[in-house]
C-alpha atoms as a PDB file:
ATOM      1  CA  UNK A   1    -174.196 137.321  -9.806  1.00  0.00           C
ATOM      2  CA  UNK A   2    -174.582 133.747  -8.216  1.00  0.00           C
ATOM      3  CA  UNK A   3    -175.929 131.125 -10.466  1.00  0.00           C
ATOM      4  CA  UNK A   4    -176.900 128.979  -7.524  1.00  0.00           C
ATOM      5  CA  UNK A   5    -178.594 129.737  -4.347  1.00  0.00           C
ATOM      6  CA  UNK A   6    -177.555 128.238  -0.622  1.00  0.00           C
ATOM      7  CA  UNK A   7    -180.784 126.179  -1.025  1.00  0.00           C
ATOM      8  CA  UNK A   8    -179.934 125.006  -4.478  1.00  0.00           C
ATOM      9  CA  UNK A   9    -176.540 123.740  -3.302  1.00  0.00           C
ATOM     10  CA  UNK A  10    -177.945 121.993  -0.278  1.00  0.00           C
ATOM     11  CA  UNK A  11    -180.305 119.947  -2.357  1.00  0.00           C
ATOM     12  CA  UNK A  12    -177.815 119.009  -4.976  1.00  0.00           C
ATOM     13  CA  UNK A  13    -175.614 117.701  -1.937  1.00  0.00           C
ATOM     14  CA  UNK A  14    -178.766 115.990  -0.545  1.00  0.00           C
ATOM     15  CA  UNK A  15    -179.389 114.319  -4.182  1.00  0.00           C
ATOM     16  CA  UNK A  16    -175.505 113.345  -4.194  1.00  0.00           C
ATOM     17  CA  UNK A  17    -176.099 111.746  -1.014  1.00  0.00           C
ATOM     18  CA  UNK A  18    -178.816 109.480  -2.564  1.00  0.00           C
ATOM     19  CA  UNK A  19    -176.225 107.855  -5.027  1.00  0.00           C
ATOM     20  CA  UNK A  20    -173.895 106.840  -2.589  1.00  0.00           C
ATOM     21  CA  UNK A  21    -174.673 103.381  -1.825  1.00  0.00           C
ATOM     22  CA  UNK A  22    -172.213 102.018   0.689  1.00  0.00           C
ATOM     23  CA  UNK A  23    -170.191 103.057   3.747  1.00  0.00           C
ATOM     24  CA  UNK A  24    -166.721 103.628   3.978  1.00  0.00           C
ATOM     25  CA  UNK A  25    -164.347 104.194   6.960  1.00  0.00           C
ATOM     26  CA  UNK A  26    -161.616 106.802   6.400  1.00  0.00           C
ATOM     27  CA  UNK A  27    -158.130 106.232   8.200  1.00  0.00           C
ATOM     28  CA  UNK A  28    -155.125 108.672   8.349  1.00  0.00           C
ATOM     29  CA  UNK A  29    -151.597 107.459   8.434  1.00  0.00           C
ATOM     30  CA  UNK A  30    -149.435 107.570  11.574  1.00  0.00           C
ATOM     31  CA  UNK A  31    -146.079 106.292  12.429  1.00  0.00           C
ATOM     32  CA  UNK A  32    -145.500 103.878  15.347  1.00  0.00           C
ATOM     33  CA  UNK A  33    -142.349 103.806  17.151  1.00  0.00           C
ATOM     34  CA  UNK A  34    -140.940 100.539  18.159  1.00  0.00           C
ATOM     35  CA  UNK A  35    -138.696 102.236  20.826  1.00  0.00           C
ATOM     36  CA  UNK A  36    -135.550 100.925  19.221  1.00  0.00           C
ATOM     37  CA  UNK A  37    -135.187 103.219  16.388  1.00  0.00           C
ATOM     38  CA  UNK A  38    -137.725 101.909  13.940  1.00  0.00           C
ATOM     39  CA  UNK A  39    -141.106 101.747  13.487  1.00  0.00           C
ATOM     40  CA  UNK A  40    -144.288 101.089  11.379  1.00  0.00           C
ATOM     41  CA  UNK A  41    -147.090 103.047   9.924  1.00  0.00           C
ATOM     42  CA  UNK A  42    -150.624 102.133  11.248  1.00  0.00           C
ATOM     43  CA  UNK A  43    -154.170 103.756   9.998  1.00  0.00           C
ATOM     44  CA  UNK A  44    -156.541 105.120  12.573  1.00  0.00           C
ATOM     45  CA  UNK A  45    -160.105 106.122  11.503  1.00  0.00           C
ATOM     46  CA  UNK A  46    -160.453 109.830  11.573  1.00  0.00           C
ATOM     47  CA  UNK A  47    -162.951 112.009  13.142  1.00  0.00           C
ATOM     48  CA  UNK A  48    -166.047 112.182  10.994  1.00  0.00           C
ATOM     49  CA  UNK A  49    -164.669 109.277   8.908  1.00  0.00           C
ATOM     50  CA  UNK A  50    -167.248 107.274   8.593  1.00  0.00           C
ATOM     51  CA  UNK A  51    -169.161 108.282   5.729  1.00  0.00           C
ATOM     52  CA  UNK A  52    -171.331 107.175   2.493  1.00  0.00           C
ATOM     53  CA  UNK A  53    -169.641 106.453  -0.773  1.00  0.00           C
ATOM     54  CA  UNK A  54    -169.551 104.694  -3.904  1.00  0.00           C
ATOM     55  CA  UNK A  55    -166.779 102.881  -5.760  1.00  0.00           C
ATOM     56  CA  UNK A  56    -166.793 103.058  -9.245  1.00  0.00           C
ATOM     57  CA  UNK A  57    -164.184 100.736 -11.736  1.00  0.00           C
ATOM     58  CA  UNK A  58    -161.710 102.859 -14.005  1.00  0.00           C
ATOM     59  CA  UNK A  59    -162.062 100.403 -16.675  1.00  0.00           C
ATOM     60  CA  UNK A  60    -158.113 100.567 -18.814  1.00  0.00           C
ATOM     61  CA  UNK A  61    -156.701 102.686 -16.133  1.00  0.00           C
ATOM     62  CA  UNK A  62    -154.484 100.624 -14.352  1.00  0.00           C
ATOM     63  CA  UNK A  63    -150.565 100.487 -14.192  1.00  0.00           C
ATOM     64  CA  UNK A  64    -147.895  97.800 -13.526  1.00  0.00           C
ATOM     65  CA  UNK A  65    -145.809  98.053 -10.575  1.00  0.00           C
ATOM     66  CA  UNK A  66    -142.562  96.388  -9.703  1.00  0.00           C
ATOM     67  CA  UNK A  67    -143.389  94.450  -6.327  1.00  0.00           C
ATOM     68  CA  UNK A  68    -140.753  92.277  -4.720  1.00  0.00           C
ATOM     69  CA  UNK A  69    -139.006  91.995  -7.912  1.00  0.00           C
ATOM     70  CA  UNK A  70    -141.729  91.088  -9.909  1.00  0.00           C
ATOM     71  CA  UNK A  71    -144.623  92.918 -11.811  1.00  0.00           C
ATOM     72  CA  UNK A  72    -148.076  93.738 -10.178  1.00  0.00           C
ATOM     73  CA  UNK A  73    -150.945  94.934 -11.604  1.00  0.00           C
ATOM     74  CA  UNK A  74    -152.849  97.827  -9.960  1.00  0.00           C
ATOM     75  CA  UNK A  75    -156.504  98.598 -10.648  1.00  0.00           C
ATOM     76  CA  UNK A  76    -157.712 102.194  -9.923  1.00  0.00           C
ATOM     77  CA  UNK A  77    -161.189 103.349  -8.950  1.00  0.00           C
ATOM     78  CA  UNK A  78    -162.751 106.366  -8.416  1.00  0.00           C
ATOM     79  CA  UNK A  79    -164.263 106.965  -4.943  1.00  0.00           C
ATOM     80  CA  UNK A  80    -166.942 109.548  -4.412  1.00  0.00           C
ATOM     81  CA  UNK A  81    -167.735 110.811  -0.902  1.00  0.00           C
ATOM     82  CA  UNK A  82    -169.878 113.710   0.546  1.00  0.00           C
ATOM     83  CA  UNK A  83    -168.604 117.101  -0.046  1.00  0.00           C
ATOM     84  CA  UNK A  84    -167.331 117.474   3.766  1.00  0.00           C
ATOM     85  CA  UNK A  85    -165.517 114.011   3.987  1.00  0.00           C
ATOM     86  CA  UNK A  86    -162.189 114.365   5.739  1.00  0.00           C
ATOM     87  CA  UNK A  87    -160.016 112.897   3.214  1.00  0.00           C
ATOM     88  CA  UNK A  88    -156.312 113.474   1.840  1.00  0.00           C
ATOM     89  CA  UNK A  89    -153.778 111.583  -0.323  1.00  0.00           C
ATOM     90  CA  UNK A  90    -152.369 108.784   1.344  1.00  0.00           C
ATOM     91  CA  UNK A  91    -155.367 108.186   3.660  1.00  0.00           C
ATOM     92  CA  UNK A  92    -156.911 104.517   3.676  1.00  0.00           C
ATOM     93  CA  UNK A  93    -160.643 104.080   2.869  1.00  0.00           C
ATOM     94  CA  UNK A  94    -162.006 100.605   3.816  1.00  0.00           C
ATOM     95  CA  UNK A  95    -165.440  99.761   2.417  1.00  0.00           C
ATOM     96  CA  UNK A  96    -167.143  96.591   1.163  1.00  0.00           C
ATOM     97  CA  UNK A  97    -164.476  94.358   2.882  1.00  0.00           C
ATOM     98  CA  UNK A  98    -161.540  96.107   0.895  1.00  0.00           C
ATOM     99  CA  UNK A  99    -159.305  98.606   1.689  1.00  0.00           C
ATOM    100  CA  UNK A 100    -158.001 101.172  -0.612  1.00  0.00           C
ATOM    101  CA  UNK A 101    -155.388 104.079  -0.904  1.00  0.00           C
ATOM    102  CA  UNK A 102    -156.047 107.591  -2.053  1.00  0.00           C
ATOM    103  CA  UNK A 103    -153.443 108.236  -4.888  1.00  0.00           C
ATOM    104  CA  UNK A 104    -155.141 111.197  -6.056  1.00  0.00           C
ATOM    105  CA  UNK A 105    -157.731 113.880  -5.299  1.00  0.00           C
ATOM    106  CA  UNK A 106    -159.613 115.725  -7.656  1.00  0.00           C
ATOM    107  CA  UNK A 107    -159.163 119.779  -6.852  1.00  0.00           C
ATOM    108  CA  UNK A 108    -161.849 121.580  -5.321  1.00  0.00           C
ATOM    109  CA  UNK A 109    -164.366 123.360  -7.678  1.00  0.00           C
ATOM    110  CA  UNK A 110    -167.043 125.978  -6.942  1.00  0.00           C
ATOM    111  CA  UNK A 111    -170.281 124.311  -5.730  1.00  0.00           C
ATOM    112  CA  UNK A 112    -168.710 121.123  -4.362  1.00  0.00           C
ATOM    113  CA  UNK A 113    -171.503 118.984  -3.978  1.00  0.00           C
ATOM    114  CA  UNK A 114    -168.974 115.729  -3.430  1.00  0.00           C
ATOM    115  CA  UNK A 115    -165.431 114.701  -3.270  1.00  0.00           C
ATOM    116  CA  UNK A 116    -163.687 112.663  -5.363  1.00  0.00           C
ATOM    117  CA  UNK A 117    -160.572 110.758  -5.525  1.00  0.00           C
ATOM    118  CA  UNK A 118    -158.853 108.022  -7.327  1.00  0.00           C
ATOM    119  CA  UNK A 119    -157.928 105.164  -5.234  1.00  0.00           C
ATOM    120  CA  UNK A 120    -156.058 101.823  -5.655  1.00  0.00           C
ATOM    121  CA  UNK A 121    -156.666  98.493  -3.713  1.00  0.00           C
ATOM    122  CA  UNK A 122    -154.255  97.820  -0.702  1.00  0.00           C
ATOM    123  CA  UNK A 123    -152.947  94.233  -0.824  1.00  0.00           C
END
């Protein structure tokens, strides 16, 4: 027995898209060699990675990190994207002049109408 028809799912995805007020650019990490045995990580926008989005704060969900010998506060957010957005853990998302790293993704569920992830601002 099916609870939702394909038309129902399409309508639900359209409804969610109306609730994504901003635009994000999703970038994947890649290694850039310096030809001397070292290199650095850079981020390149992914195909289909300019999408509608919404970033919501997660109050009281934060963690203290040790950065350069001192504590730094990292505030986490919930990122909501369209159901077919190309995203993965460690990808970067730039929206509203800020860059965030995807640190956790919600697992897929039946009737996926959006994709959600926990993100932290890259400083």
